[in-house]
Amino acid sequence: MHVVAAVALLAGLGQADPICADLQRLSAATADPTAYAELYRSDFAPRLLNGCFRSDGYFCGQSMLPPDVTHETMAARIAACLPGAEISPGEEWPGLRRTNVTGGGLRFELAESGSERAQVGRTLKIRIRPAASR
């Protein structure tokens, strides 16, 4: 019985959120401007949502979101990857639901819009930049 419980516990530890490795790599690069510039110029892009591309930092987006993906759930996932990260409400804007995450030398600005009834459903956009460049 104890062996089964130990195996289940170890299996759970091995199932880290797949977005964390990319976010931690990006976070580590922000400590050194040269390392960040090299990473930014490479073909690296964090694997969030349907994809990210370079654009004054990184910009990620997805439409037709599944019900379990919201600006709040993605903010929680991002914060869980970066020790000491803080989640705060984003700037209010009509029709947008916003959340910010700051941690690991990075700032994430999440904005969700639309609804299940809209042609493209709900849309989530995430802007990622070094925290120092606001």
Protein backbone atom coordinates (compact mmCIF):
# COMPACT_ATOMS: atom_id res chain seq x y z
CA MET A 1 0.00 0.00 0.00
CA HIS A 2 2.79 2.43 0.91
CA VAL A 3 4.66 1.62 -2.31
CA VAL A 4 1.58 2.47 -4.39
CA ALA A 5 1.18 5.79 -2.56
CA ALA A 6 4.88 6.62 -3.05
CA VAL A 7 4.72 5.84 -6.77
CA ALA A 8 1.60 8.00 -7.16
CA LEU A 9 3.32 10.87 -5.31
CA LEU A 10 6.44 10.65 -7.49
CA ALA A 11 4.33 10.50 -10.65
CA GLY A 12 2.58 13.72 -9.60
CA LEU A 13 5.91 15.47 -9.03
CA GLY A 14 7.04 14.57 -12.55
CA GLN A 15 4.00 16.21 -14.13
CA ALA A 16 5.18 19.81 -13.95
CA ASP A 17 3.26 22.35 -16.00
CA PRO A 18 4.78 22.26 -19.50
CA ILE A 19 4.86 26.06 -19.75
CA CYS A 20 7.22 26.39 -16.78
CA ALA A 21 10.45 25.37 -18.52
CA ASP A 22 10.09 28.12 -21.14
CA LEU A 23 9.08 30.76 -18.60
CA GLN A 24 11.96 29.85 -16.30
CA ARG A 25 14.39 29.98 -19.25
CA LEU A 26 13.12 33.43 -20.17
CA SER A 27 13.24 34.54 -16.53
CA ALA A 28 16.85 33.38 -16.13
CA ALA A 29 17.86 35.34 -19.25
CA THR A 30 16.46 38.62 -17.86
CA ALA A 31 19.20 38.65 -15.20
CA ASP A 32 21.78 39.37 -17.91
CA PRO A 33 20.97 41.83 -20.71
CA THR A 34 23.35 40.04 -23.10
CA ALA A 35 21.77 36.63 -22.40
CA TYR A 36 18.29 38.10 -22.88
CA ALA A 37 19.28 39.75 -26.17
CA GLU A 38 20.77 36.48 -27.45
CA LEU A 39 17.66 34.52 -26.46
CA TYR A 40 15.42 37.17 -28.02
CA ARG A 41 17.34 37.04 -31.32
CA SER A 42 17.23 33.23 -31.41
CA ASP A 43 14.23 31.23 -32.57
CA PHE A 44 13.03 30.88 -28.95
CA ALA A 45 9.43 31.75 -28.15
CA PRO A 46 7.57 30.62 -25.04
CA ARG A 47 4.98 27.91 -25.64
CA LEU A 48 1.85 29.61 -24.35
CA LEU A 49 -1.61 29.37 -25.86
CA ASN A 50 -1.52 28.77 -29.65
CA GLY A 51 1.87 30.39 -29.99
CA CYS A 52 4.02 33.41 -29.30
CA PHE A 53 6.13 35.68 -31.43
CA ARG A 54 8.66 38.44 -30.78
CA SER A 55 7.14 41.90 -30.56
CA ASP A 56 8.61 44.35 -28.02
CA GLY A 57 9.08 41.31 -25.81
CA TYR A 58 6.78 38.45 -26.72
CA PHE A 59 3.13 38.41 -27.70
CA CYS A 60 0.99 35.27 -27.39
CA GLY A 61 -2.62 34.72 -28.35
CA GLN A 62 -5.44 32.29 -28.90
CA SER A 63 -9.08 32.50 -29.90
CA MET A 64 -11.75 29.84 -29.42
CA LEU A 65 -10.49 29.25 -25.87
CA PRO A 66 -11.57 26.07 -24.12
CA PRO A 67 -13.74 26.70 -21.03
CA ASP A 68 -10.89 26.02 -18.58
CA VAL A 69 -8.55 28.63 -20.11
CA THR A 70 -9.20 32.16 -18.83
CA HIS A 71 -7.03 35.14 -17.98
CA GLU A 72 -7.28 34.08 -14.33
CA THR A 73 -6.29 30.43 -14.88
CA MET A 74 -3.37 31.38 -17.13
CA ALA A 75 -2.20 34.00 -14.62
CA ALA A 76 -2.23 31.35 -11.89
CA ARG A 77 -0.29 28.90 -14.09
CA ILE A 78 2.31 31.56 -14.98
CA ALA A 79 2.69 32.66 -11.34
CA ALA A 80 3.13 29.04 -10.21
CA CYS A 81 6.15 28.75 -12.54
CA LEU A 82 7.97 31.79 -11.13
CA PRO A 83 8.76 31.79 -7.40
CA GLY A 84 7.56 34.96 -5.70
CA ALA A 85 5.41 36.04 -8.65
CA GLU A 86 2.53 38.37 -7.87
CA ILE A 87 -0.86 38.53 -9.58
CA SER A 88 -2.68 41.86 -9.75
CA PRO A 89 -5.74 43.19 -11.56
CA GLY A 90 -5.01 44.82 -14.89
CA GLU A 91 -6.12 48.23 -16.05
CA GLU A 92 -9.87 48.37 -16.56
CA TRP A 93 -11.05 48.66 -20.13
CA PRO A 94 -14.58 48.15 -21.52
CA GLY A 95 -15.03 44.63 -22.87
CA LEU A 96 -11.67 43.36 -21.59
CA ARG A 97 -10.87 41.32 -18.52
CA ARG A 98 -7.26 41.94 -17.55
CA THR A 99 -4.73 40.49 -15.14
CA ASN A 100 -1.02 41.18 -14.64
CA VAL A 101 1.65 38.82 -13.34
CA THR A 102 5.04 40.13 -12.22
CA GLY A 103 7.85 37.84 -11.16
CA GLY A 104 11.15 36.34 -12.18
CA GLY A 105 12.21 39.62 -13.79
CA LEU A 106 9.21 39.47 -16.15
CA ARG A 107 5.87 41.23 -16.52
CA PHE A 108 2.91 39.44 -18.13
CA GLU A 109 -0.13 41.43 -19.23
CA LEU A 110 -3.13 39.17 -19.91
CA ALA A 111 -6.28 40.43 -21.64
CA GLU A 112 -9.37 38.32 -22.35
CA SER A 113 -12.25 39.40 -24.55
CA GLY A 114 -15.25 37.95 -26.34
CA SER A 115 -17.67 35.23 -25.29
CA GLU A 116 -18.68 31.74 -26.29
CA ARG A 117 -21.38 33.32 -28.51
CA ALA A 118 -18.88 35.40 -30.50
CA GLN A 119 -17.72 34.14 -33.89
CA VAL A 120 -14.18 33.55 -32.60
CA GLY A 121 -15.29 32.71 -29.07
CA ARG A 122 -13.25 34.07 -26.20
CA THR A 123 -9.79 35.41 -27.04
CA LEU A 124 -6.79 35.64 -24.73
CA LYS A 125 -3.70 37.74 -25.44
CA ILE A 126 -0.55 37.76 -23.33
CA ARG A 127 2.23 40.33 -23.61
CA ILE A 128 5.55 39.36 -21.97
CA ARG A 129 8.36 41.82 -21.33
CA PRO A 130 11.23 42.20 -18.89
CA ALA A 131 9.81 43.85 -15.77
CA ALA A 132 12.30 46.72 -16.09
CA SER A 133 10.88 47.80 -19.48
CA ARG A 134 7.39 49.12 -18.81
